[in-house]
PDB file of all heavy atoms in Angstrom:
ATOM      1  N   GLU A   1       7.410  -6.020  18.746  1.00  0.00           N
ATOM      2  CA  GLU A   1       7.434  -7.461  18.692  1.00  0.00           C
ATOM      3  C   GLU A   1       6.924  -7.986  17.278  1.00  0.00           C
ATOM      4  O   GLU A   1       7.522  -8.827  16.711  1.00  0.00           O
ATOM      5  CB  GLU A   1       6.582  -8.168  19.730  1.00  0.00           C
ATOM      6  CG  GLU A   1       7.085  -7.944  21.215  1.00  0.00           C
ATOM      7  CD  GLU A   1       6.148  -8.552  22.241  1.00  0.00           C
ATOM      8  OE1 GLU A   1       4.967  -8.399  22.062  1.00  0.00           O
ATOM      9  OE2 GLU A   1       6.662  -8.994  23.297  1.00  0.00           O
ATOM     10  N   THR A   2       5.879  -7.341  16.828  1.00  0.00           N
ATOM     11  CA  THR A   2       5.323  -7.706  15.548  1.00  0.00           C
ATOM     12  C   THR A   2       6.309  -7.353  14.359  1.00  0.00           C
ATOM     13  O   THR A   2       6.481  -8.256  13.542  1.00  0.00           O
ATOM     14  CB  THR A   2       3.989  -6.834  15.301  1.00  0.00           C
ATOM     15  OG1 THR A   2       3.050  -7.172  16.166  1.00  0.00           O
ATOM     16  CG2 THR A   2       3.421  -7.095  13.841  1.00  0.00           C
ATOM     17  N   ALA A   3       7.035  -6.239  14.453  1.00  0.00           N
ATOM     18  CA  ALA A   3       8.051  -5.928  13.423  1.00  0.00           C
ATOM     19  C   ALA A   3       9.220  -6.935  13.453  1.00  0.00           C
ATOM     20  O   ALA A   3       9.551  -7.402  12.425  1.00  0.00           O
ATOM     21  CB  ALA A   3       8.534  -4.544  13.596  1.00  0.00           C
ATOM     22  N   GLU A   4       9.557  -7.293  14.655  1.00  0.00           N
ATOM     23  CA  GLU A   4      10.688  -8.274  14.733  1.00  0.00           C
ATOM     24  C   GLU A   4      10.230  -9.656  14.337  1.00  0.00           C
ATOM     25  O   GLU A   4      11.117 -10.369  13.595  1.00  0.00           O
ATOM     26  CB  GLU A   4      11.174  -8.394  16.305  1.00  0.00           C
ATOM     27  CG  GLU A   4      11.838  -7.155  16.839  1.00  0.00           C
ATOM     28  CD  GLU A   4      11.995  -7.182  18.305  1.00  0.00           C
ATOM     29  OE1 GLU A   4      11.384  -8.072  18.906  1.00  0.00           O
ATOM     30  OE2 GLU A   4      12.669  -6.268  18.887  1.00  0.00           O
ATOM     31  N   PHE A   5       9.002  -9.969  14.540  1.00  0.00           N
ATOM     32  CA  PHE A   5       8.563 -11.302  14.047  1.00  0.00           C
ATOM     33  C   PHE A   5       8.454 -11.364  12.545  1.00  0.00           C
ATOM     34  O   PHE A   5       8.706 -12.371  11.917  1.00  0.00           O
ATOM     35  CB  PHE A   5       7.171 -11.651  14.725  1.00  0.00           C
ATOM     36  CG  PHE A   5       6.820 -13.155  14.581  1.00  0.00           C
ATOM     37  CD1 PHE A   5       7.243 -13.991  15.592  1.00  0.00           C
ATOM     38  CD2 PHE A   5       6.085 -13.572  13.507  1.00  0.00           C
ATOM     39  CE1 PHE A   5       6.891 -15.335  15.454  1.00  0.00           C
ATOM     40  CE2 PHE A   5       5.754 -14.928  13.384  1.00  0.00           C
ATOM     41  CZ  PHE A   5       6.148 -15.794  14.404  1.00  0.00           C
ATOM     42  N   THR A   6       8.019 -10.276  11.950  1.00  0.00           N
ATOM     43  CA  THR A   6       7.911 -10.143  10.463  1.00  0.00           C
ATOM     44  C   THR A   6       9.229 -10.347   9.897  1.00  0.00           C
ATOM     45  O   THR A   6       9.386 -11.156   8.935  1.00  0.00           O
ATOM     46  CB  THR A   6       7.372  -8.718  10.076  1.00  0.00           C
ATOM     47  OG1 THR A   6       6.031  -8.600  10.717  1.00  0.00           O
ATOM     48  CG2 THR A   6       7.293  -8.767   8.542  1.00  0.00           C
ATOM     49  N   GLY A   7      10.376  -9.765  10.440  1.00  0.00           N
ATOM     50  CA  GLY A   7      11.687  -9.972   9.905  1.00  0.00           C
ATOM     51  C   GLY A   7      12.123 -11.392  10.159  1.00  0.00           C
ATOM     52  O   GLY A   7      12.873 -11.990   9.296  1.00  0.00           O
ATOM     53  N   PHE A   8      11.631 -11.956  11.244  1.00  0.00           N
ATOM     54  CA  PHE A   8      12.059 -13.446  11.608  1.00  0.00           C
ATOM     55  C   PHE A   8      11.458 -14.326  10.567  1.00  0.00           C
ATOM     56  O   PHE A   8      12.128 -15.232  10.087  1.00  0.00           O
ATOM     57  CB  PHE A   8      11.547 -13.727  12.976  1.00  0.00           C
ATOM     58  CG  PHE A   8      11.688 -15.192  13.437  1.00  0.00           C
ATOM     59  CD1 PHE A   8      12.900 -15.862  13.372  1.00  0.00           C
ATOM     60  CD2 PHE A   8      10.488 -15.965  13.772  1.00  0.00           C
ATOM     61  CE1 PHE A   8      12.991 -17.057  13.749  1.00  0.00           C
ATOM     62  CE2 PHE A   8      10.607 -17.226  14.108  1.00  0.00           C
ATOM     63  CZ  PHE A   8      11.833 -17.822  14.102  1.00  0.00           C
ATOM     64  N   VAL A   9      10.206 -14.147  10.145  1.00  0.00           N
ATOM     65  CA  VAL A   9       9.560 -14.965   9.160  1.00  0.00           C
ATOM     66  C   VAL A   9      10.340 -14.842   7.743  1.00  0.00           C
ATOM     67  O   VAL A   9      10.561 -15.893   7.119  1.00  0.00           O
ATOM     68  CB  VAL A   9       8.109 -14.582   8.971  1.00  0.00           C
ATOM     69  CG1 VAL A   9       7.459 -15.285   7.753  1.00  0.00           C
ATOM     70  CG2 VAL A   9       7.231 -14.923  10.209  1.00  0.00           C
ATOM     71  N   GLN A  10      10.747 -13.698   7.404  1.00  0.00           N
ATOM     72  CA  GLN A  10      11.503 -13.612   6.330  1.00  0.00           C
ATOM     73  C   GLN A  10      12.823 -14.302   6.288  1.00  0.00           C
ATOM     74  O   GLN A  10      13.265 -14.864   5.296  1.00  0.00           O
ATOM     75  CB  GLN A  10      11.717 -12.069   5.888  1.00  0.00           C
ATOM     76  CG  GLN A  10      10.408 -11.279   5.583  1.00  0.00           C
ATOM     77  CD  GLN A  10      10.596  -9.831   5.612  1.00  0.00           C
ATOM     78  OE1 GLN A  10      11.269  -9.240   6.358  1.00  0.00           O
ATOM     79  NE2 GLN A  10       9.935  -9.119   4.611  1.00  0.00           N
ATOM     80  N   ARG A  11      13.411 -14.250   7.502  1.00  0.00           N
ATOM     81  CA  ARG A  11      14.746 -14.975   7.595  1.00  0.00           C
ATOM     82  C   ARG A  11      14.457 -16.554   7.480  1.00  0.00           C
ATOM     83  O   ARG A  11      15.366 -17.227   7.000  1.00  0.00           O
ATOM     84  CB  ARG A  11      15.384 -14.674   8.949  1.00  0.00           C
ATOM     85  CG  ARG A  11      15.940 -13.232   9.003  1.00  0.00           C
ATOM     86  CD  ARG A  11      17.008 -13.054  10.110  1.00  0.00           C
ATOM     87  NE  ARG A  11      16.438 -13.409  11.402  1.00  0.00           N
ATOM     88  CZ  ARG A  11      15.709 -12.684  12.113  1.00  0.00           C
ATOM     89  NH1 ARG A  11      15.481 -11.465  11.704  1.00  0.00           N
ATOM     90  NH2 ARG A  11      15.322 -13.032  13.300  1.00  0.00           N
ATOM     91  N   LEU A  12      13.405 -17.001   8.045  1.00  0.00           N
ATOM     92  CA  LEU A  12      13.131 -18.487   7.925  1.00  0.00           C
ATOM     93  C   LEU A  12      13.050 -18.870   6.539  1.00  0.00           C
ATOM     94  O   LEU A  12      13.586 -20.001   6.152  1.00  0.00           O
ATOM     95  CB  LEU A  12      11.793 -18.786   8.652  1.00  0.00           C
ATOM     96  CG  LEU A  12      11.729 -18.680  10.183  1.00  0.00           C
ATOM     97  CD1 LEU A  12      10.278 -19.026  10.592  1.00  0.00           C
ATOM     98  CD2 LEU A  12      12.756 -19.714  10.748  1.00  0.00           C
ATOM     99  N   ARG A  13      12.503 -18.035   5.623  1.00  0.00           N
ATOM    100  CA  ARG A  13      12.395 -18.348   4.263  1.00  0.00           C
ATOM    101  C   ARG A  13      13.920 -18.396   3.624  1.00  0.00           C
ATOM    102  O   ARG A  13      14.257 -19.234   2.935  1.00  0.00           O
ATOM    103  CB  ARG A  13      11.608 -17.493   3.469  1.00  0.00           C
ATOM    104  CG  ARG A  13      11.259 -17.840   2.106  1.00  0.00           C
ATOM    105  CD  ARG A  13      11.910 -16.941   0.960  1.00  0.00           C
ATOM    106  NE  ARG A  13      11.323 -15.594   1.190  1.00  0.00           N
ATOM    107  CZ  ARG A  13      10.226 -15.193   0.480  1.00  0.00           C
ATOM    108  NH1 ARG A  13       9.600 -16.000  -0.426  1.00  0.00           N
ATOM    109  NH2 ARG A  13       9.731 -13.891   0.565  1.00  0.00           N
ATOM    110  N   THR A  14      14.634 -17.350   3.875  1.00  0.00           N
ATOM    111  CA  THR A  14      15.948 -17.179   3.229  1.00  0.00           C
ATOM    112  C   THR A  14      17.024 -18.086   3.877  1.00  0.00           C
ATOM    113  O   THR A  14      17.733 -18.717   3.134  1.00  0.00           O
ATOM    114  CB  THR A  14      16.372 -15.754   3.230  1.00  0.00           C
ATOM    115  OG1 THR A  14      16.402 -15.260   4.645  1.00  0.00           O
ATOM    116  CG2 THR A  14      15.396 -14.846   2.552  1.00  0.00           C
ATOM    117  N   GLU A  15      17.078 -18.106   5.159  1.00  0.00           N
ATOM    118  CA  GLU A  15      18.210 -18.791   5.851  1.00  0.00           C
ATOM    119  C   GLU A  15      17.828 -20.451   6.076  1.00  0.00           C
ATOM    120  O   GLU A  15      18.762 -21.218   5.975  1.00  0.00           O
ATOM    121  CB  GLU A  15      18.468 -18.115   7.216  1.00  0.00           C
ATOM    122  CG  GLU A  15      18.926 -16.785   7.044  1.00  0.00           C
ATOM    123  CD  GLU A  15      19.158 -16.010   8.342  1.00  0.00           C
ATOM    124  OE1 GLU A  15      19.098 -16.763   9.407  1.00  0.00           O
ATOM    125  OE2 GLU A  15      19.316 -14.856   8.415  1.00  0.00           O
ATOM    126  N   GLN A  16      16.648 -20.705   6.256  1.00  0.00           N
ATOM    127  CA  GLN A  16      16.143 -22.084   6.558  1.00  0.00           C
ATOM    128  C   GLN A  16      15.581 -22.769   5.376  1.00  0.00           C
ATOM    129  O   GLN A  16      15.203 -23.906   5.341  1.00  0.00           O
ATOM    130  CB  GLN A  16      15.238 -22.150   7.754  1.00  0.00           C
ATOM    131  CG  GLN A  16      15.795 -21.542   9.057  1.00  0.00           C
ATOM    132  CD  GLN A  16      17.067 -22.287   9.596  1.00  0.00           C
ATOM    133  OE1 GLN A  16      17.046 -23.503   9.630  1.00  0.00           O
ATOM    134  NE2 GLN A  16      18.093 -21.555   9.848  1.00  0.00           N
ATOM    135  N   GLU A  17      15.416 -21.995   4.280  1.00  0.00           N
ATOM    136  CA  GLU A  17      14.862 -22.467   3.026  1.00  0.00           C
ATOM    137  C   GLU A  17      13.471 -23.140   3.241  1.00  0.00           C
ATOM    138  O   GLU A  17      12.981 -24.085   2.732  1.00  0.00           O
ATOM    139  CB  GLU A  17      15.799 -23.431   2.347  1.00  0.00           C
ATOM    140  CG  GLU A  17      17.122 -22.855   1.944  1.00  0.00           C
ATOM    141  CD  GLU A  17      17.969 -23.850   1.290  1.00  0.00           C
ATOM    142  OE1 GLU A  17      17.718 -24.958   1.204  1.00  0.00           O
ATOM    143  OE2 GLU A  17      18.982 -23.361   0.642  1.00  0.00           O
ATOM    144  N   LEU A  18      12.595 -22.378   4.092  1.00  0.00           N
ATOM    145  CA  LEU A  18      11.319 -22.896   4.273  1.00  0.00           C
ATOM    146  C   LEU A  18      10.260 -22.247   3.492  1.00  0.00           C
ATOM    147  O   LEU A  18      10.388 -21.106   3.126  1.00  0.00           O
ATOM    148  CB  LEU A  18      11.040 -22.538   5.861  1.00  0.00           C
ATOM    149  CG  LEU A  18      11.446 -23.492   6.819  1.00  0.00           C
ATOM    150  CD1 LEU A  18      11.170 -22.944   8.371  1.00  0.00           C
ATOM    151  CD2 LEU A  18      10.824 -24.830   6.752  1.00  0.00           C
ATOM    152  N   THR A  19       9.165 -22.864   3.362  1.00  0.00           N
ATOM    153  CA  THR A  19       8.019 -22.302   2.669  1.00  0.00           C
ATOM    154  C   THR A  19       6.997 -22.050   3.859  1.00  0.00           C
ATOM    155  O   THR A  19       7.005 -22.831   4.834  1.00  0.00           O
ATOM    156  CB  THR A  19       7.355 -23.291   1.770  1.00  0.00           C
ATOM    157  OG1 THR A  19       8.329 -23.684   0.747  1.00  0.00           O
ATOM    158  CG2 THR A  19       6.162 -22.658   1.016  1.00  0.00           C
ATOM    159  N   VAL A  20       6.386 -20.826   3.781  1.00  0.00           N
ATOM    160  CA  VAL A  20       5.480 -20.433   4.980  1.00  0.00           C
ATOM    161  C   VAL A  20       4.035 -20.151   4.522  1.00  0.00           C
ATOM    162  O   VAL A  20       3.893 -19.396   3.466  1.00  0.00           O
ATOM    163  CB  VAL A  20       6.070 -19.196   5.549  1.00  0.00           C
ATOM    164  CG1 VAL A  20       5.245 -18.786   6.751  1.00  0.00           C
ATOM    165  CG2 VAL A  20       7.540 -19.535   6.097  1.00  0.00           C
ATOM    166  N   LEU A  21       3.098 -20.644   5.212  1.00  0.00           N
ATOM    167  CA  LEU A  21       1.687 -20.226   5.078  1.00  0.00           C
ATOM    168  C   LEU A  21       1.236 -19.611   6.296  1.00  0.00           C
ATOM    169  O   LEU A  21       1.421 -20.150   7.517  1.00  0.00           O
ATOM    170  CB  LEU A  21       0.887 -21.499   4.758  1.00  0.00           C
ATOM    171  CG  LEU A  21      -0.681 -21.299   4.696  1.00  0.00           C
ATOM    172  CD1 LEU A  21      -1.086 -20.240   3.549  1.00  0.00           C
ATOM    173  CD2 LEU A  21      -1.476 -22.543   4.424  1.00  0.00           C
ATOM    174  N   LEU A  22       0.718 -18.426   6.223  1.00  0.00           N
ATOM    175  CA  LEU A  22       0.419 -17.593   7.359  1.00  0.00           C
ATOM    176  C   LEU A  22      -1.052 -17.161   7.399  1.00  0.00           C
ATOM    177  O   LEU A  22      -1.608 -16.718   6.439  1.00  0.00           O
ATOM    178  CB  LEU A  22       1.285 -16.347   7.115  1.00  0.00           C
ATOM    179  CG  LEU A  22       1.443 -15.283   8.209  1.00  0.00           C
ATOM    180  CD1 LEU A  22       2.224 -15.690   9.364  1.00  0.00           C
ATOM    181  CD2 LEU A  22       2.141 -14.002   7.530  1.00  0.00           C
ATOM    182  N   ILE A  23      -1.665 -17.327   8.518  1.00  0.00           N
ATOM    183  CA  ILE A  23      -2.918 -16.791   8.805  1.00  0.00           C
ATOM    184  C   ILE A  23      -2.608 -15.478   9.697  1.00  0.00           C
ATOM    185  O   ILE A  23      -2.046 -15.583  10.739  1.00  0.00           O
ATOM    186  CB  ILE A  23      -3.966 -17.650   9.645  1.00  0.00           C
ATOM    187  CG1 ILE A  23      -4.379 -18.899   8.714  1.00  0.00           C
ATOM    188  CG2 ILE A  23      -5.086 -16.790  10.096  1.00  0.00           C
ATOM    189  CD1 ILE A  23      -5.303 -19.750   9.386  1.00  0.00           C
ATOM    190  N   GLU A  24      -3.132 -14.442   9.268  1.00  0.00           N
ATOM    191  CA  GLU A  24      -2.779 -13.120   9.895  1.00  0.00           C
ATOM    192  C   GLU A  24      -3.806 -12.078   9.757  1.00  0.00           C
ATOM    193  O   GLU A  24      -4.284 -11.849   8.679  1.00  0.00           O
ATOM    194  CB  GLU A  24      -1.340 -12.667   9.432  1.00  0.00           C
ATOM    195  CG  GLU A  24      -0.697 -11.465  10.163  1.00  0.00           C
ATOM    196  CD  GLU A  24      -0.706 -11.664  11.661  1.00  0.00           C
ATOM    197  OE1 GLU A  24       0.086 -12.459  12.123  1.00  0.00           O
ATOM    198  OE2 GLU A  24      -1.509 -10.907  12.360  1.00  0.00           O
ATOM    199  N   HIS A  25      -4.171 -11.340  10.923  1.00  0.00           N
ATOM    200  CA  HIS A  25      -5.085 -10.239  10.846  1.00  0.00           C
ATOM    201  C   HIS A  25      -4.421  -8.966  10.646  1.00  0.00           C
ATOM    202  O   HIS A  25      -5.060  -7.978  10.112  1.00  0.00           O
ATOM    203  CB  HIS A  25      -5.905 -10.251  12.088  1.00  0.00           C
ATOM    204  CG  HIS A  25      -7.140 -11.086  12.134  1.00  0.00           C
ATOM    205  ND1 HIS A  25      -7.378 -12.175  12.851  1.00  0.00           N
ATOM    206  CD2 HIS A  25      -8.186 -10.925  11.271  1.00  0.00           C
ATOM    207  CE1 HIS A  25      -8.551 -12.691  12.559  1.00  0.00           C
ATOM    208  NE2 HIS A  25      -9.067 -12.025  11.662  1.00  0.00           N
ATOM    209  N   ASP A  26      -3.147  -8.917  11.018  1.00  0.00           N
ATOM    210  CA  ASP A  26      -2.373  -7.531  10.863  1.00  0.00           C
ATOM    211  C   ASP A  26      -2.068  -7.329   9.417  1.00  0.00           C
ATOM    212  O   ASP A  26      -1.162  -8.003   8.841  1.00  0.00           O
ATOM    213  CB  ASP A  26      -1.106  -7.616  11.733  1.00  0.00           C
ATOM    214  CG  ASP A  26      -0.522  -6.229  11.923  1.00  0.00           C
ATOM    215  OD1 ASP A  26      -0.563  -5.417  10.962  1.00  0.00           O
ATOM    216  OD2 ASP A  26       0.087  -5.946  12.994  1.00  0.00           O
ATOM    217  N   MET A  27      -2.699  -6.472   8.771  1.00  0.00           N
ATOM    218  CA  MET A  27      -2.518  -6.173   7.307  1.00  0.00           C
ATOM    219  C   MET A  27      -1.167  -5.694   6.951  1.00  0.00           C
ATOM    220  O   MET A  27      -0.666  -5.856   5.960  1.00  0.00           O
ATOM    221  CB  MET A  27      -3.592  -5.385   6.753  1.00  0.00           C
ATOM    222  CG  MET A  27      -5.042  -5.897   6.570  1.00  0.00           C
ATOM    223  SD  MET A  27      -4.985  -7.414   5.498  1.00  0.00           S
ATOM    224  CE  MET A  27      -4.913  -8.737   6.753  1.00  0.00           C
ATOM    225  N   LYS A  28      -0.579  -4.983   7.926  1.00  0.00           N
ATOM    226  CA  LYS A  28       0.749  -4.486   7.718  1.00  0.00           C
ATOM    227  C   LYS A  28       1.781  -5.632   7.718  1.00  0.00           C
ATOM    228  O   LYS A  28       2.669  -5.615   6.785  1.00  0.00           O
ATOM    229  CB  LYS A  28       1.226  -3.531   8.945  1.00  0.00           C
ATOM    230  CG  LYS A  28       2.490  -2.893   8.730  1.00  0.00           C
ATOM    231  CD  LYS A  28       2.824  -1.822   9.852  1.00  0.00           C
ATOM    232  CE  LYS A  28       4.071  -1.064   9.627  1.00  0.00           C
ATOM    233  NZ  LYS A  28       4.466  -0.150  10.634  1.00  0.00           N
ATOM    234  N   VAL A  29       1.605  -6.652   8.496  1.00  0.00           N
ATOM    235  CA  VAL A  29       2.426  -7.840   8.415  1.00  0.00           C
ATOM    236  C   VAL A  29       2.142  -8.608   7.076  1.00  0.00           C
ATOM    237  O   VAL A  29       3.109  -8.882   6.290  1.00  0.00           O
ATOM    238  CB  VAL A  29       2.146  -8.884   9.548  1.00  0.00           C
ATOM    239  CG1 VAL A  29       2.866 -10.137   9.361  1.00  0.00           C
ATOM    240  CG2 VAL A  29       2.457  -8.170  10.878  1.00  0.00           C
ATOM    241  N   VAL A  30       0.940  -8.764   6.760  1.00  0.00           N
ATOM    242  CA  VAL A  30       0.579  -9.414   5.477  1.00  0.00           C
ATOM    243  C   VAL A  30       1.089  -8.787   4.249  1.00  0.00           C
ATOM    244  O   VAL A  30       1.793  -9.499   3.355  1.00  0.00           O
ATOM    245  CB  VAL A  30      -1.031  -9.504   5.348  1.00  0.00           C
ATOM    246  CG1 VAL A  30      -1.377 -10.101   3.928  1.00  0.00           C
ATOM    247  CG2 VAL A  30      -1.523 -10.476   6.477  1.00  0.00           C
ATOM    248  N   MET A  31       1.005  -7.462   4.187  1.00  0.00           N
ATOM    249  CA  MET A  31       1.426  -6.837   3.033  1.00  0.00           C
ATOM    250  C   MET A  31       2.930  -6.621   3.023  1.00  0.00           C
ATOM    251  O   MET A  31       3.546  -6.542   1.846  1.00  0.00           O
ATOM    252  CB  MET A  31       0.826  -5.284   3.015  1.00  0.00           C
ATOM    253  CG  MET A  31      -0.678  -5.285   2.884  1.00  0.00           C
ATOM    254  SD  MET A  31      -1.277  -6.258   1.454  1.00  0.00           S
ATOM    255  CE  MET A  31      -2.935  -6.496   1.968  1.00  0.00           C
ATOM    256  N   GLY A  32       3.583  -6.672   4.106  1.00  0.00           N
ATOM    257  CA  GLY A  32       5.028  -6.562   4.239  1.00  0.00           C
ATOM    258  C   GLY A  32       5.829  -7.863   3.971  1.00  0.00           C
ATOM    259  O   GLY A  32       6.979  -7.810   3.446  1.00  0.00           O
ATOM    260  N   VAL A  33       5.182  -9.067   4.140  1.00  0.00           N
ATOM    261  CA  VAL A  33       5.964 -10.235   4.109  1.00  0.00           C
ATOM    262  C   VAL A  33       5.485 -11.287   2.959  1.00  0.00           C
ATOM    263  O   VAL A  33       6.276 -12.133   2.638  1.00  0.00           O
ATOM    264  CB  VAL A  33       5.883 -10.940   5.496  1.00  0.00           C
ATOM    265  CG1 VAL A  33       4.548 -11.690   5.706  1.00  0.00           C
ATOM    266  CG2 VAL A  33       6.912 -11.898   5.723  1.00  0.00           C
ATOM    267  N   SER A  34       4.324 -10.990   2.437  1.00  0.00           N
ATOM    268  CA  SER A  34       3.685 -12.069   1.591  1.00  0.00           C
ATOM    269  C   SER A  34       4.136 -11.919   0.097  1.00  0.00           C
ATOM    270  O   SER A  34       4.148 -10.780  -0.357  1.00  0.00           O
ATOM    271  CB  SER A  34       2.195 -12.025   1.739  1.00  0.00           C
ATOM    272  OG  SER A  34       1.741 -12.145   3.081  1.00  0.00           O
ATOM    273  N   ASP A  35       4.322 -13.017  -0.589  1.00  0.00           N
ATOM    274  CA  ASP A  35       4.467 -13.036  -2.027  1.00  0.00           C
ATOM    275  C   ASP A  35       3.089 -13.124  -2.592  1.00  0.00           C
ATOM    276  O   ASP A  35       2.893 -12.514  -3.706  1.00  0.00           O
ATOM    277  CB  ASP A  35       5.255 -14.290  -2.437  1.00  0.00           C
ATOM    278  CG  ASP A  35       6.680 -14.286  -1.845  1.00  0.00           C
ATOM    279  OD1 ASP A  35       7.419 -13.292  -1.939  1.00  0.00           O
ATOM    280  OD2 ASP A  35       7.094 -15.361  -1.224  1.00  0.00           O
ATOM    281  N   ARG A  36       2.101 -13.839  -1.940  1.00  0.00           N
ATOM    282  CA  ARG A  36       0.889 -13.982  -2.436  1.00  0.00           C
ATOM    283  C   ARG A  36      -0.158 -14.016  -1.338  1.00  0.00           C
ATOM    284  O   ARG A  36       0.234 -14.492  -0.164  1.00  0.00           O
ATOM    285  CB  ARG A  36       0.761 -15.276  -3.309  1.00  0.00           C
ATOM    286  CG  ARG A  36      -0.522 -15.186  -4.187  1.00  0.00           C
ATOM    287  CD  ARG A  36      -0.663 -16.471  -5.020  1.00  0.00           C
ATOM    288  NE  ARG A  36      -0.920 -17.613  -4.202  1.00  0.00           N
ATOM    289  CZ  ARG A  36      -0.695 -18.839  -4.631  1.00  0.00           C
ATOM    290  NH1 ARG A  36      -0.033 -19.069  -5.749  1.00  0.00           N
ATOM    291  NH2 ARG A  36      -1.080 -19.823  -3.820  1.00  0.00           N
ATOM    292  N   VAL A  37      -1.287 -13.580  -1.614  1.00  0.00           N
ATOM    293  CA  VAL A  37      -2.432 -13.523  -0.540  1.00  0.00           C
ATOM    294  C   VAL A  37      -3.671 -14.163  -1.066  1.00  0.00           C
ATOM    295  O   VAL A  37      -3.946 -13.876  -2.292  1.00  0.00           O
ATOM    296  CB  VAL A  37      -2.687 -12.090  -0.139  1.00  0.00           C
ATOM    297  CG1 VAL A  37      -3.840 -12.080   1.025  1.00  0.00           C
ATOM    298  CG2 VAL A  37      -1.467 -11.409   0.434  1.00  0.00           C
ATOM    299  N   THR A  38      -4.191 -15.015  -0.297  1.00  0.00           N
ATOM    300  CA  THR A  38      -5.572 -15.689  -0.651  1.00  0.00           C
ATOM    301  C   THR A  38      -6.546 -15.191   0.424  1.00  0.00           C
ATOM    302  O   THR A  38      -6.233 -15.201   1.600  1.00  0.00           O
ATOM    303  CB  THR A  38      -5.454 -17.158  -0.686  1.00  0.00           C
ATOM    304  OG1 THR A  38      -4.487 -17.567  -1.681  1.00  0.00           O
ATOM    305  CG2 THR A  38      -6.803 -17.804  -0.962  1.00  0.00           C
TER     306      THR A  38
END
């Protein structure tokens, strides 16, 4: 489910032209999907 959701977030950016801010504890998700991390 986590892997599917990560791909879903990427599609929201590309297909829906959305900007996304994410709070996330799963570092695999953070490192896989983020342009920048604070």
